[in-house]
């Protein structure tokens, strides 16, 4: 039996977005939507993907998706992520701690902070309205 790990994703790996096929191709399965504890901040990296960092102050609860991913497939997913993103532990509002996609703080330097949107989808929806 294949070991499955829970993986929290907060950007382009989510359902219907650009890199979701990276999860599907390794046998990933969507489990449920969730939010983090209010201890994370978000940045838009060139409006291509988000970067989420855990902080002591000024954080928000970030909307994300929880996926079941085969342990062996997690390496492949990580290798396909943009530079500066990695796998770490993410605290969910439910109290559960799962693996998740996090950013190196240096990746966020000089980028647009989008913490107030509470998630990548909300930011991209607002951006789409603004460009119409």
Protein backbone atom coordinates (compact mmCIF):
# COMPACT_ATOMS: atom_id res chain seq x y z
CA UNK A 1 0.00 0.00 0.00
CA UNK A 2 1.27 3.45 -0.94
CA UNK A 3 1.83 5.86 1.95
CA UNK A 4 -0.20 9.03 1.45
CA UNK A 5 0.77 12.35 3.01
CA UNK A 6 -1.42 15.40 3.52
CA UNK A 7 -0.12 18.42 1.62
CA UNK A 8 -1.45 21.98 2.03
CA UNK A 9 -1.26 24.02 -1.17
CA UNK A 10 -1.98 27.75 -1.40
CA UNK A 11 -1.36 28.70 -5.02
CA UNK A 12 -0.98 27.33 -8.51
CA UNK A 13 -1.16 23.69 -7.34
CA UNK A 14 -4.82 24.21 -6.37
CA UNK A 15 -7.68 22.72 -8.39
CA UNK A 16 -8.08 24.27 -11.81
CA UNK A 17 -4.89 26.34 -11.66
CA UNK A 18 -1.72 26.17 -13.76
CA UNK A 19 0.29 23.54 -11.84
CA UNK A 20 -2.56 21.38 -10.52
CA UNK A 21 -1.60 18.68 -13.01
CA UNK A 22 1.66 18.23 -11.05
CA UNK A 23 -0.41 16.85 -8.16
CA UNK A 24 -2.74 14.83 -10.37
CA UNK A 25 0.14 13.27 -12.32
CA UNK A 26 1.63 11.73 -9.15
CA UNK A 27 -1.74 10.37 -7.98
CA UNK A 28 -2.67 13.27 -5.70
CA UNK A 29 -6.26 13.44 -4.47
CA UNK A 30 -8.08 16.56 -3.32
CA UNK A 31 -9.35 16.13 0.25
CA UNK A 32 -10.84 19.44 1.44
CA UNK A 33 -10.52 23.20 1.65
CA UNK A 34 -9.01 24.65 4.83
CA UNK A 35 -7.41 27.75 6.31
CA UNK A 36 -4.20 28.25 8.23
CA UNK A 37 -3.92 29.73 11.67
CA UNK A 38 -3.69 33.56 11.37
CA UNK A 39 0.11 33.42 11.40
CA UNK A 40 0.97 33.61 7.70
CA UNK A 41 1.63 36.37 5.19
CA UNK A 42 1.38 36.16 1.40
CA UNK A 43 3.19 37.78 -1.49
CA UNK A 44 2.57 37.68 -5.23
CA UNK A 45 5.74 36.64 -7.01
CA UNK A 46 5.45 38.55 -10.28
CA UNK A 47 1.72 37.67 -10.40
CA UNK A 48 2.80 34.15 -11.42
CA UNK A 49 2.48 32.37 -8.07
CA UNK A 50 2.13 33.17 -4.38
CA UNK A 51 4.65 32.84 -1.59
CA UNK A 52 3.46 32.06 1.95
CA UNK A 53 5.65 32.69 5.01
CA UNK A 54 4.87 32.05 8.68
CA UNK A 55 5.31 35.15 10.85
CA UNK A 56 5.10 36.20 14.50
CA UNK A 57 3.05 39.35 13.77
CA UNK A 58 0.78 40.71 11.06
CA UNK A 59 -0.42 37.38 9.75
CA UNK A 60 -3.78 36.22 8.46
CA UNK A 61 -5.63 32.94 7.98
CA UNK A 62 -4.78 31.84 4.44
CA UNK A 63 -7.22 29.85 2.30
CA UNK A 64 -5.72 26.64 0.96
CA UNK A 65 -6.48 23.12 -0.18
CA UNK A 66 -5.47 19.87 1.47
CA UNK A 67 -4.40 17.06 -0.84
CA UNK A 68 -3.42 13.44 -0.25
CA UNK A 69 -0.16 12.84 -2.13
CA UNK A 70 1.83 9.61 -2.39
CA UNK A 71 5.03 10.00 -0.35
CA UNK A 72 7.13 9.08 -3.40
CA UNK A 73 5.30 11.66 -5.54
CA UNK A 74 5.97 14.49 -3.12
CA UNK A 75 9.58 14.72 -4.32
CA UNK A 76 8.45 15.05 -7.93
CA UNK A 77 5.95 17.78 -7.02
CA UNK A 78 8.60 19.71 -5.09
CA UNK A 79 11.10 19.46 -7.95
CA UNK A 80 8.53 21.09 -10.27
CA UNK A 81 7.82 24.02 -7.92
CA UNK A 82 9.34 27.42 -8.75
CA UNK A 83 12.69 28.24 -7.09
CA UNK A 84 12.34 29.57 -3.55
CA UNK A 85 9.39 27.36 -2.64
CA UNK A 86 9.82 24.37 -0.35
CA UNK A 87 7.92 21.92 1.81
CA UNK A 88 7.52 22.69 5.50
CA UNK A 89 4.97 22.28 8.25
CA UNK A 90 1.78 24.36 8.08
CA UNK A 91 -0.57 24.95 11.00
CA UNK A 92 -4.25 24.67 10.09
CA UNK A 93 -7.04 26.54 11.89
CA UNK A 94 -8.34 23.12 12.99
CA UNK A 95 -5.15 22.64 15.03
CA UNK A 96 -3.77 20.00 12.68
CA UNK A 97 -0.19 20.38 11.39
CA UNK A 98 0.43 19.13 7.84
CA UNK A 99 3.12 19.43 5.22
CA UNK A 100 2.67 22.45 2.98
CA UNK A 101 4.24 24.69 0.39
CA UNK A 102 6.14 27.58 2.01
CA UNK A 103 8.45 30.25 0.67
CA UNK A 104 11.95 31.30 1.59
CA UNK A 105 11.62 34.87 2.95
CA UNK A 106 14.18 36.19 0.45
CA UNK A 107 11.79 35.24 -2.39
CA UNK A 108 9.32 37.86 -1.10
CA UNK A 109 11.74 40.79 -1.09
CA UNK A 110 10.57 43.50 -3.48
CA UNK A 111 7.35 41.62 -4.33
CA UNK A 112 3.73 42.70 -3.83
CA UNK A 113 2.32 41.71 -0.46
CA UNK A 114 -1.18 40.23 -0.81
CA UNK A 115 -1.82 39.14 2.78
CA UNK A 116 -5.03 41.21 2.97
CA UNK A 117 -6.63 38.98 0.31
CA UNK A 118 -6.34 35.88 2.54
CA UNK A 119 -5.48 33.72 -0.46
CA UNK A 120 -4.23 33.43 -4.01
CA UNK A 121 -7.65 32.86 -5.60
CA UNK A 122 -9.09 36.03 -4.02
CA UNK A 123 -6.09 38.05 -5.14
CA UNK A 124 -6.25 36.72 -8.70
CA UNK A 125 -10.03 37.35 -8.87
CA UNK A 126 -9.52 40.96 -7.79
CA UNK A 127 -6.68 41.37 -10.26
CA UNK A 128 -8.87 40.00 -13.10
CA UNK A 129 -11.61 42.54 -12.27
CA UNK A 130 -9.06 45.38 -12.17
CA UNK A 131 -7.72 44.52 -15.63
CA UNK A 132 -11.15 44.50 -17.32
